[in-house]
PDB file of N, CA and C in Angstrom:
ATOM      1  N   MET A   1      20.865 -15.484   3.212  1.00  0.00           N
ATOM      2  CA  MET A   1      19.983 -16.620   3.279  1.00  0.00           C
ATOM      3  C   MET A   1      20.833 -17.891   3.375  1.00  0.00           C
ATOM      4  N   ARG A   2      20.445 -18.758   4.277  1.00  0.00           N
ATOM      5  CA  ARG A   2      21.160 -20.020   4.444  1.00  0.00           C
ATOM      6  C   ARG A   2      20.955 -20.915   3.220  1.00  0.00           C
ATOM      7  N   SER A   3      21.926 -21.756   2.961  1.00  0.00           N
ATOM      8  CA  SER A   3      21.884 -22.667   1.816  1.00  0.00           C
ATOM      9  C   SER A   3      20.646 -23.561   1.844  1.00  0.00           C
ATOM     10  N   VAL A   4      20.319 -24.092   3.012  1.00  0.00           N
ATOM     11  CA  VAL A   4      19.136 -24.954   3.147  1.00  0.00           C
ATOM     12  C   VAL A   4      17.887 -24.174   2.760  1.00  0.00           C
ATOM     13  N   THR A   5      17.764 -22.958   3.238  1.00  0.00           N
ATOM     14  CA  THR A   5      16.590 -22.135   2.951  1.00  0.00           C
ATOM     15  C   THR A   5      16.467 -21.880   1.457  1.00  0.00           C
ATOM     16  N   LYS A   6      17.573 -21.550   0.800  1.00  0.00           N
ATOM     17  CA  LYS A   6      17.543 -21.287  -0.634  1.00  0.00           C
ATOM     18  C   LYS A   6      17.090 -22.514  -1.406  1.00  0.00           C
ATOM     19  N   LYS A   7      17.615 -23.672  -1.067  1.00  0.00           N
ATOM     20  CA  LYS A   7      17.255 -24.904  -1.782  1.00  0.00           C
ATOM     21  C   LYS A   7      15.790 -25.281  -1.554  1.00  0.00           C
ATOM     22  N   ILE A   8      15.307 -25.115  -0.332  1.00  0.00           N
ATOM     23  CA  ILE A   8      13.902 -25.408  -0.034  1.00  0.00           C
ATOM     24  C   ILE A   8      13.005 -24.386  -0.726  1.00  0.00           C
ATOM     25  N   LYS A   9      13.413 -23.121  -0.739  1.00  0.00           N
ATOM     26  CA  LYS A   9      12.645 -22.074  -1.436  1.00  0.00           C
ATOM     27  C   LYS A   9      12.520 -22.403  -2.915  1.00  0.00           C
ATOM     28  N   ASP A  10      13.622 -22.793  -3.545  1.00  0.00           N
ATOM     29  CA  ASP A  10      13.588 -23.141  -4.963  1.00  0.00           C
ATOM     30  C   ASP A  10      12.617 -24.294  -5.219  1.00  0.00           C
ATOM     31  N   ALA A  11      12.648 -25.319  -4.361  1.00  0.00           N
ATOM     32  CA  ALA A  11      11.736 -26.457  -4.514  1.00  0.00           C
ATOM     33  C   ALA A  11      10.287 -26.013  -4.319  1.00  0.00           C
ATOM     34  N   PHE A  12      10.008 -25.230  -3.276  1.00  0.00           N
ATOM     35  CA  PHE A  12       8.650 -24.748  -3.006  1.00  0.00           C
ATOM     36  C   PHE A  12       8.147 -23.889  -4.167  1.00  0.00           C
ATOM     37  N   ASP A  13       8.973 -22.963  -4.641  1.00  0.00           N
ATOM     38  CA  ASP A  13       8.587 -22.086  -5.754  1.00  0.00           C
ATOM     39  C   ASP A  13       8.262 -22.879  -7.011  1.00  0.00           C
ATOM     40  N   ASN A  14       8.970 -23.988  -7.217  1.00  0.00           N
ATOM     41  CA  ASN A  14       8.761 -24.832  -8.401  1.00  0.00           C
ATOM     42  C   ASN A  14       7.811 -25.996  -8.121  1.00  0.00           C
ATOM     43  N   GLN A  15       7.189 -25.986  -6.935  1.00  0.00           N
ATOM     44  CA  GLN A  15       6.223 -27.007  -6.521  1.00  0.00           C
ATOM     45  C   GLN A  15       6.805 -28.425  -6.637  1.00  0.00           C
ATOM     46  N   LYS A  16       8.032 -28.566  -6.140  1.00  0.00           N
ATOM     47  CA  LYS A  16       8.742 -29.849  -6.123  1.00  0.00           C
ATOM     48  C   LYS A  16       8.987 -30.292  -4.683  1.00  0.00           C
ATOM     49  N   SER A  17       9.125 -31.568  -4.476  1.00  0.00           N
ATOM     50  CA  SER A  17       9.449 -32.111  -3.152  1.00  0.00           C
ATOM     51  C   SER A  17      10.944 -32.030  -2.907  1.00  0.00           C
ATOM     52  N   ARG A  18      11.314 -31.776  -1.663  1.00  0.00           N
ATOM     53  CA  ARG A  18      12.730 -31.745  -1.277  1.00  0.00           C
ATOM     54  C   ARG A  18      12.828 -31.835   0.238  1.00  0.00           C
ATOM     55  N   LYS A  19      13.815 -32.561   0.732  1.00  0.00           N
ATOM     56  CA  LYS A  19      14.077 -32.660   2.163  1.00  0.00           C
ATOM     57  C   LYS A  19      15.555 -32.431   2.392  1.00  0.00           C
ATOM     58  N   ILE A  20      15.857 -31.510   3.293  1.00  0.00           N
ATOM     59  CA  ILE A  20      17.243 -31.226   3.658  1.00  0.00           C
ATOM     60  C   ILE A  20      17.273 -31.094   5.173  1.00  0.00           C
ATOM     61  N   GLY A  21      17.881 -32.041   5.830  1.00  0.00           N
ATOM     62  CA  GLY A  21      17.985 -32.001   7.287  1.00  0.00           C
ATOM     63  C   GLY A  21      16.619 -31.951   7.940  1.00  0.00           C
ATOM     64  N   ASN A  22      16.369 -30.908   8.730  1.00  0.00           N
ATOM     65  CA  ASN A  22      15.114 -30.793   9.473  1.00  0.00           C
ATOM     66  C   ASN A  22      14.048 -29.994   8.731  1.00  0.00           C
ATOM     67  N   THR A  23      14.302 -29.654   7.463  1.00  0.00           N
ATOM     68  CA  THR A  23      13.376 -28.857   6.668  1.00  0.00           C
ATOM     69  C   THR A  23      12.982 -29.638   5.423  1.00  0.00           C
ATOM     70  N   GLU A  24      11.669 -29.647   5.117  1.00  0.00           N
ATOM     71  CA  GLU A  24      11.225 -30.351   3.921  1.00  0.00           C
ATOM     72  C   GLU A  24      10.005 -29.682   3.313  1.00  0.00           C
ATOM     73  N   THR A  25       9.782 -29.955   2.037  1.00  0.00           N
ATOM     74  CA  THR A  25       8.618 -29.453   1.334  1.00  0.00           C
ATOM     75  C   THR A  25       8.104 -30.514   0.379  1.00  0.00           C
ATOM     76  N   ASP A  26       6.792 -30.467   0.157  1.00  0.00           N
ATOM     77  CA  ASP A  26       6.185 -31.293  -0.884  1.00  0.00           C
ATOM     78  C   ASP A  26       5.799 -30.422  -2.069  1.00  0.00           C
ATOM     79  N   GLY A  27       6.242 -29.171  -2.049  1.00  0.00           N
ATOM     80  CA  GLY A  27       5.927 -28.217  -3.097  1.00  0.00           C
ATOM     81  C   GLY A  27       4.715 -27.361  -2.778  1.00  0.00           C
ATOM     82  N   GLN A  28       3.932 -27.761  -1.781  1.00  0.00           N
ATOM     83  CA  GLN A  28       2.752 -27.006  -1.361  1.00  0.00           C
ATOM     84  C   GLN A  28       2.869 -26.507   0.075  1.00  0.00           C
ATOM     85  N   THR A  29       3.614 -27.239   0.892  1.00  0.00           N
ATOM     86  CA  THR A  29       3.806 -26.912   2.302  1.00  0.00           C
ATOM     87  C   THR A  29       5.280 -27.077   2.642  1.00  0.00           C
ATOM     88  N   VAL A  30       5.787 -26.236   3.545  1.00  0.00           N
ATOM     89  CA  VAL A  30       7.151 -26.377   4.055  1.00  0.00           C
ATOM     90  C   VAL A  30       7.046 -26.682   5.541  1.00  0.00           C
ATOM     91  N   TRP A  31       7.786 -27.687   5.985  1.00  0.00           N
ATOM     92  CA  TRP A  31       7.820 -28.076   7.392  1.00  0.00           C
ATOM     93  C   TRP A  31       9.222 -27.893   7.949  1.00  0.00           C
ATOM     94  N   LEU A  32       9.306 -27.438   9.188  1.00  0.00           N
ATOM     95  CA  LEU A  32      10.554 -27.354   9.931  1.00  0.00           C
ATOM     96  C   LEU A  32      10.342 -28.165  11.204  1.00  0.00           C
ATOM     97  N   HIS A  33      11.130 -29.181  11.413  1.00  0.00           N
ATOM     98  CA  HIS A  33      10.969 -30.084  12.556  1.00  0.00           C
ATOM     99  C   HIS A  33       9.543 -30.647  12.608  1.00  0.00           C
ATOM    100  N   GLY A  34       8.946 -30.905  11.457  1.00  0.00           N
ATOM    101  CA  GLY A  34       7.604 -31.480  11.394  1.00  0.00           C
ATOM    102  C   GLY A  34       6.469 -30.497  11.568  1.00  0.00           C
ATOM    103  N   ASN A  35       6.774 -29.214  11.744  1.00  0.00           N
ATOM    104  CA  ASN A  35       5.757 -28.177  11.905  1.00  0.00           C
ATOM    105  C   ASN A  35       5.603 -27.400  10.605  1.00  0.00           C
ATOM    106  N   ALA A  36       4.370 -27.285  10.111  1.00  0.00           N
ATOM    107  CA  ALA A  36       4.116 -26.518   8.891  1.00  0.00           C
ATOM    108  C   ALA A  36       4.379 -25.037   9.168  1.00  0.00           C
ATOM    109  N   ILE A  37       5.220 -24.415   8.331  1.00  0.00           N
ATOM    110  CA  ILE A  37       5.551 -23.005   8.518  1.00  0.00           C
ATOM    111  C   ILE A  37       5.195 -22.156   7.296  1.00  0.00           C
ATOM    112  N   VAL A  38       5.068 -22.773   6.128  1.00  0.00           N
ATOM    113  CA  VAL A  38       4.678 -22.081   4.902  1.00  0.00           C
ATOM    114  C   VAL A  38       3.744 -23.025   4.151  1.00  0.00           C
ATOM    115  N   LYS A  39       2.651 -22.467   3.603  1.00  0.00           N
ATOM    116  CA  LYS A  39       1.763 -23.303   2.802  1.00  0.00           C
ATOM    117  C   LYS A  39       1.130 -22.481   1.693  1.00  0.00           C
ATOM    118  N   ARG A  40       0.774 -23.187   0.626  1.00  0.00           N
ATOM    119  CA  ARG A  40       0.095 -22.576  -0.509  1.00  0.00           C
ATOM    120  C   ARG A  40      -1.321 -23.142  -0.517  1.00  0.00           C
ATOM    121  N   ASP A  41      -2.340 -22.265  -0.553  1.00  0.00           N
ATOM    122  CA  ASP A  41      -3.713 -22.762  -0.531  1.00  0.00           C
ATOM    123  C   ASP A  41      -4.174 -23.141  -1.945  1.00  0.00           C
ATOM    124  N   ASP A  42      -5.428 -23.577  -2.063  1.00  0.00           N
ATOM    125  CA  ASP A  42      -5.971 -24.035  -3.344  1.00  0.00           C
ATOM    126  C   ASP A  42      -5.990 -22.950  -4.417  1.00  0.00           C
ATOM    127  N   LYS A  43      -6.016 -21.693  -3.990  1.00  0.00           N
ATOM    128  CA  LYS A  43      -6.034 -20.576  -4.931  1.00  0.00           C
ATOM    129  C   LYS A  43      -4.636 -20.057  -5.248  1.00  0.00           C
ATOM    130  N   GLY A  44      -3.611 -20.670  -4.650  1.00  0.00           N
ATOM    131  CA  GLY A  44      -2.234 -20.267  -4.892  1.00  0.00           C
ATOM    132  C   GLY A  44      -1.698 -19.233  -3.928  1.00  0.00           C
ATOM    133  N   LYS A  45      -2.526 -18.773  -2.986  1.00  0.00           N
ATOM    134  CA  LYS A  45      -2.080 -17.788  -1.988  1.00  0.00           C
ATOM    135  C   LYS A  45      -1.147 -18.467  -0.991  1.00  0.00           C
ATOM    136  N   VAL A  46      -0.075 -17.785  -0.620  1.00  0.00           N
ATOM    137  CA  VAL A  46       0.911 -18.324   0.317  1.00  0.00           C
ATOM    138  C   VAL A  46       0.634 -17.767   1.714  1.00  0.00           C
ATOM    139  N   TRP A  47       0.690 -18.637   2.699  1.00  0.00           N
ATOM    140  CA  TRP A  47       0.456 -18.309   4.106  1.00  0.00           C
ATOM    141  C   TRP A  47       1.663 -18.741   4.921  1.00  0.00           C
ATOM    142  N   VAL A  48       1.946 -18.033   6.015  1.00  0.00           N
ATOM    143  CA  VAL A  48       3.080 -18.364   6.877  1.00  0.00           C
ATOM    144  C   VAL A  48       2.672 -18.422   8.342  1.00  0.00           C
ATOM    145  N   SER A  49       3.416 -19.207   9.099  1.00  0.00           N
ATOM    146  CA  SER A  49       3.229 -19.311  10.542  1.00  0.00           C
ATOM    147  C   SER A  49       4.567 -19.682  11.171  1.00  0.00           C
ATOM    148  N   LEU A  50       4.790 -19.231  12.375  1.00  0.00           N
ATOM    149  CA  LEU A  50       5.970 -19.672  13.117  1.00  0.00           C
ATOM    150  C   LEU A  50       5.670 -20.974  13.856  1.00  0.00           C
ATOM    151  N   ALA A  51       4.451 -21.469  13.733  1.00  0.00           N
ATOM    152  CA  ALA A  51       4.026 -22.737  14.347  1.00  0.00           C
ATOM    153  C   ALA A  51       4.303 -22.754  15.850  1.00  0.00           C
ATOM    154  N   GLY A  52       4.232 -21.575  16.462  1.00  0.00           N
ATOM    155  CA  GLY A  52       4.460 -21.471  17.897  1.00  0.00           C
ATOM    156  C   GLY A  52       5.922 -21.398  18.303  1.00  0.00           C
ATOM    157  N   TRP A  53       6.822 -21.412  17.326  1.00  0.00           N
ATOM    158  CA  TRP A  53       8.267 -21.415  17.592  1.00  0.00           C
ATOM    159  C   TRP A  53       8.887 -20.128  17.066  1.00  0.00           C
ATOM    160  N   ASN A  54       8.913 -19.098  17.882  1.00  0.00           N
ATOM    161  CA  ASN A  54       9.491 -17.806  17.509  1.00  0.00           C
ATOM    162  C   ASN A  54      11.011 -17.857  17.711  1.00  0.00           C
ATOM    163  N   THR A  55      11.669 -18.674  16.881  1.00  0.00           N
ATOM    164  CA  THR A  55      13.115 -18.864  16.984  1.00  0.00           C
ATOM    165  C   THR A  55      13.814 -18.235  15.784  1.00  0.00           C
ATOM    166  N   PRO A  56      15.102 -17.955  15.907  1.00  0.00           N
ATOM    167  CA  PRO A  56      15.835 -17.403  14.766  1.00  0.00           C
ATOM    168  C   PRO A  56      15.759 -18.299  13.524  1.00  0.00           C
ATOM    169  N   THR A  57      15.842 -19.598  13.701  1.00  0.00           N
ATOM    170  CA  THR A  57      15.805 -20.508  12.548  1.00  0.00           C
ATOM    171  C   THR A  57      14.442 -20.484  11.880  1.00  0.00           C
ATOM    172  N   THR A  58      13.375 -20.531  12.667  1.00  0.00           N
ATOM    173  CA  THR A  58      12.030 -20.508  12.078  1.00  0.00           C
ATOM    174  C   THR A  58      11.797 -19.196  11.338  1.00  0.00           C
ATOM    175  N   ARG A  59      12.159 -18.088  11.954  1.00  0.00           N
ATOM    176  CA  ARG A  59      11.990 -16.785  11.288  1.00  0.00           C
ATOM    177  C   ARG A  59      12.826 -16.717  10.011  1.00  0.00           C
ATOM    178  N   GLU A  60      14.049 -17.213  10.058  1.00  0.00           N
ATOM    179  CA  GLU A  60      14.916 -17.177   8.878  1.00  0.00           C
ATOM    180  C   GLU A  60      14.314 -17.999   7.741  1.00  0.00           C
ATOM    181  N   ARG A  61      13.795 -19.185   8.033  1.00  0.00           N
ATOM    182  CA  ARG A  61      13.196 -20.029   6.993  1.00  0.00           C
ATOM    183  C   ARG A  61      11.978 -19.340   6.379  1.00  0.00           C
ATOM    184  N   VAL A  62      11.064 -18.868   7.224  1.00  0.00           N
ATOM    185  CA  VAL A  62       9.846 -18.218   6.728  1.00  0.00           C
ATOM    186  C   VAL A  62      10.195 -16.973   5.914  1.00  0.00           C
ATOM    187  N   ASN A  63      11.061 -16.127   6.446  1.00  0.00           N
ATOM    188  CA  ASN A  63      11.438 -14.896   5.747  1.00  0.00           C
ATOM    189  C   ASN A  63      12.169 -15.195   4.440  1.00  0.00           C
ATOM    190  N   GLY A  64      13.073 -16.150   4.468  1.00  0.00           N
ATOM    191  CA  GLY A  64      13.841 -16.478   3.273  1.00  0.00           C
ATOM    192  C   GLY A  64      12.993 -17.069   2.166  1.00  0.00           C
ATOM    193  N   ILE A  65      12.011 -17.870   2.526  1.00  0.00           N
ATOM    194  CA  ILE A  65      11.162 -18.521   1.526  1.00  0.00           C
ATOM    195  C   ILE A  65      10.129 -17.557   0.965  1.00  0.00           C
ATOM    196  N   THR A  66       9.576 -16.683   1.814  1.00  0.00           N
ATOM    197  CA  THR A  66       8.458 -15.838   1.379  1.00  0.00           C
ATOM    198  C   THR A  66       8.780 -14.355   1.252  1.00  0.00           C
ATOM    199  N   GLY A  67       9.827 -13.893   1.907  1.00  0.00           N
ATOM    200  CA  GLY A  67      10.144 -12.472   1.892  1.00  0.00           C
ATOM    201  C   GLY A  67       9.346 -11.650   2.895  1.00  0.00           C
ATOM    202  N   ILE A  68       8.510 -12.312   3.696  1.00  0.00           N
ATOM    203  CA  ILE A  68       7.760 -11.600   4.737  1.00  0.00           C
ATOM    204  C   ILE A  68       8.770 -11.134   5.796  1.00  0.00           C
ATOM    205  N   GLY A  69       8.412 -10.168   6.593  1.00  0.00           N
ATOM    206  CA  GLY A  69       9.377  -9.575   7.531  1.00  0.00           C
ATOM    207  C   GLY A  69       9.198  -9.976   8.980  1.00  0.00           C
ATOM    208  N   PHE A  70       9.171 -11.287   9.279  1.00  0.00           N
ATOM    209  CA  PHE A  70       9.096 -11.707  10.684  1.00  0.00           C
ATOM    210  C   PHE A  70      10.370 -11.302  11.405  1.00  0.00           C
ATOM    211  N   HIS A  71      10.219 -10.752  12.617  1.00  0.00           N
ATOM    212  CA  HIS A  71      11.358 -10.457  13.487  1.00  0.00           C
ATOM    213  C   HIS A  71      10.856 -10.506  14.926  1.00  0.00           C
ATOM    214  N   GLN A  72      11.745 -10.281  15.844  1.00  0.00           N
ATOM    215  CA  GLN A  72      11.389 -10.332  17.261  1.00  0.00           C
ATOM    216  C   GLN A  72      11.674  -8.981  17.904  1.00  0.00           C
ATOM    217  N   HIS A  73      10.741  -8.537  18.746  1.00  0.00           N
ATOM    218  CA  HIS A  73      10.932  -7.304  19.507  1.00  0.00           C
ATOM    219  C   HIS A  73      10.452  -7.567  20.924  1.00  0.00           C
ATOM    220  N   LYS A  74      11.345  -7.406  21.884  1.00  0.00           N
ATOM    221  CA  LYS A  74      11.035  -7.686  23.289  1.00  0.00           C
ATOM    222  C   LYS A  74      10.405  -9.075  23.448  1.00  0.00           C
ATOM    223  N   PHE A  75      11.014 -10.049  22.796  1.00  0.00           N
ATOM    224  CA  PHE A  75      10.623 -11.457  22.863  1.00  0.00           C
ATOM    225  C   PHE A  75       9.276 -11.765  22.211  1.00  0.00           C
ATOM    226  N   GLU A  76       8.699 -10.807  21.509  1.00  0.00           N
ATOM    227  CA  GLU A  76       7.424 -11.013  20.833  1.00  0.00           C
ATOM    228  C   GLU A  76       7.642 -11.056  19.326  1.00  0.00           C
ATOM    229  N   ALA A  77       6.892 -11.937  18.657  1.00  0.00           N
ATOM    230  CA  ALA A  77       6.959 -12.022  17.200  1.00  0.00           C
ATOM    231  C   ALA A  77       6.307 -10.790  16.583  1.00  0.00           C
ATOM    232  N   CYS A  78       6.918 -10.278  15.532  1.00  0.00           N
ATOM    233  CA  CYS A  78       6.388  -9.127  14.810  1.00  0.00           C
ATOM    234  C   CYS A  78       6.556  -9.360  13.314  1.00  0.00           C
ATOM    235  N   ILE A  79       5.678  -8.743  12.540  1.00  0.00           N
ATOM    236  CA  ILE A  79       5.827  -8.702  11.088  1.00  0.00           C
ATOM    237  C   ILE A  79       5.898  -7.241  10.703  1.00  0.00           C
ATOM    238  N   ASP A  80       7.000  -6.853  10.114  1.00  0.00           N
ATOM    239  CA  ASP A  80       7.198  -5.468   9.671  1.00  0.00           C
ATOM    240  C   ASP A  80       6.861  -4.449  10.760  1.00  0.00           C
ATOM    241  N   GLY A  81       7.315  -4.711  11.989  1.00  0.00           N
ATOM    242  CA  GLY A  81       7.165  -3.777  13.094  1.00  0.00           C
ATOM    243  C   GLY A  81       5.870  -3.869  13.872  1.00  0.00           C
ATOM    244  N   LYS A  82       4.958  -4.734  13.443  1.00  0.00           N
ATOM    245  CA  LYS A  82       3.672  -4.867  14.132  1.00  0.00           C
ATOM    246  C   LYS A  82       3.587  -6.221  14.818  1.00  0.00           C
ATOM    247  N   PRO A  83       3.081  -6.275  16.058  1.00  0.00           N
ATOM    248  CA  PRO A  83       2.949  -7.561  16.747  1.00  0.00           C
ATOM    249  C   PRO A  83       2.155  -8.562  15.914  1.00  0.00           C
ATOM    250  N   ALA A  84       2.606  -9.817  15.946  1.00  0.00           N
ATOM    251  CA  ALA A  84       1.953 -10.876  15.179  1.00  0.00           C
ATOM    252  C   ALA A  84       1.970 -12.162  15.995  1.00  0.00           C
ATOM    253  N   SER A  85       0.909 -12.904  15.930  1.00  0.00           N
ATOM    254  CA  SER A  85       0.833 -14.177  16.632  1.00  0.00           C
ATOM    255  C   SER A  85       1.858 -15.154  16.064  1.00  0.00           C
ATOM    256  N   ALA A  86       2.542 -15.857  16.955  1.00  0.00           N
ATOM    257  CA  ALA A  86       3.506 -16.872  16.524  1.00  0.00           C
ATOM    258  C   ALA A  86       2.815 -18.190  16.175  1.00  0.00           C
ATOM    259  N   THR A  87       1.504 -18.292  16.439  1.00  0.00           N
ATOM    260  CA  THR A  87       0.787 -19.537  16.159  1.00  0.00           C
ATOM    261  C   THR A  87      -0.216 -19.411  15.020  1.00  0.00           C
ATOM    262  N   ASP A  88      -0.660 -18.195  14.699  1.00  0.00           N
ATOM    263  CA  ASP A  88      -1.647 -18.004  13.636  1.00  0.00           C
ATOM    264  C   ASP A  88      -0.996 -18.069  12.258  1.00  0.00           C
ATOM    265  N   TRP A  89      -1.827 -18.260  11.241  1.00  0.00           N
ATOM    266  CA  TRP A  89      -1.386 -18.200   9.852  1.00  0.00           C
ATOM    267  C   TRP A  89      -1.577 -16.774   9.342  1.00  0.00           C
ATOM    268  N   HIS A  90      -0.559 -16.249   8.668  1.00  0.00           N
ATOM    269  CA  HIS A  90      -0.567 -14.887   8.152  1.00  0.00           C
ATOM    270  C   HIS A  90      -0.404 -14.929   6.628  1.00  0.00           C
ATOM    271  N   PRO A  91      -1.197 -14.157   5.890  1.00  0.00           N
ATOM    272  CA  PRO A  91      -1.063 -14.154   4.430  1.00  0.00           C
ATOM    273  C   PRO A  91       0.203 -13.411   4.005  1.00  0.00           C
ATOM    274  N   VAL A  92       0.779 -13.859   2.909  1.00  0.00           N
ATOM    275  CA  VAL A  92       1.915 -13.162   2.314  1.00  0.00           C
ATOM    276  C   VAL A  92       1.339 -12.295   1.198  1.00  0.00           C
ATOM    277  N   ASN A  93       1.564 -11.005   1.278  1.00  0.00           N
ATOM    278  CA  ASN A  93       0.993 -10.004   0.345  1.00  0.00           C
ATOM    279  C   ASN A  93      -0.459  -9.910   0.606  1.00  0.00           C
TER     280      ASN A  93
END
């Protein structure tokens, strides 16, 4: 896990604000380049999205913060081996 991802994960997990380079959180949502990629809803459930950017950095941030298994297969986004939309929100657990 990259250092930036670990620090943002710690802030998100503790519901604290933090900004490091192109990644930031207010403790409820994580943004990468201004695009929301992880969010916590009113009930505390965590949701993830690649925000339309199926890139190594976006996948690394989402996976590192939540532990979900985003990866790429034949240029398509997948979660744990199953095709997944790069623009939709997906629940964690």
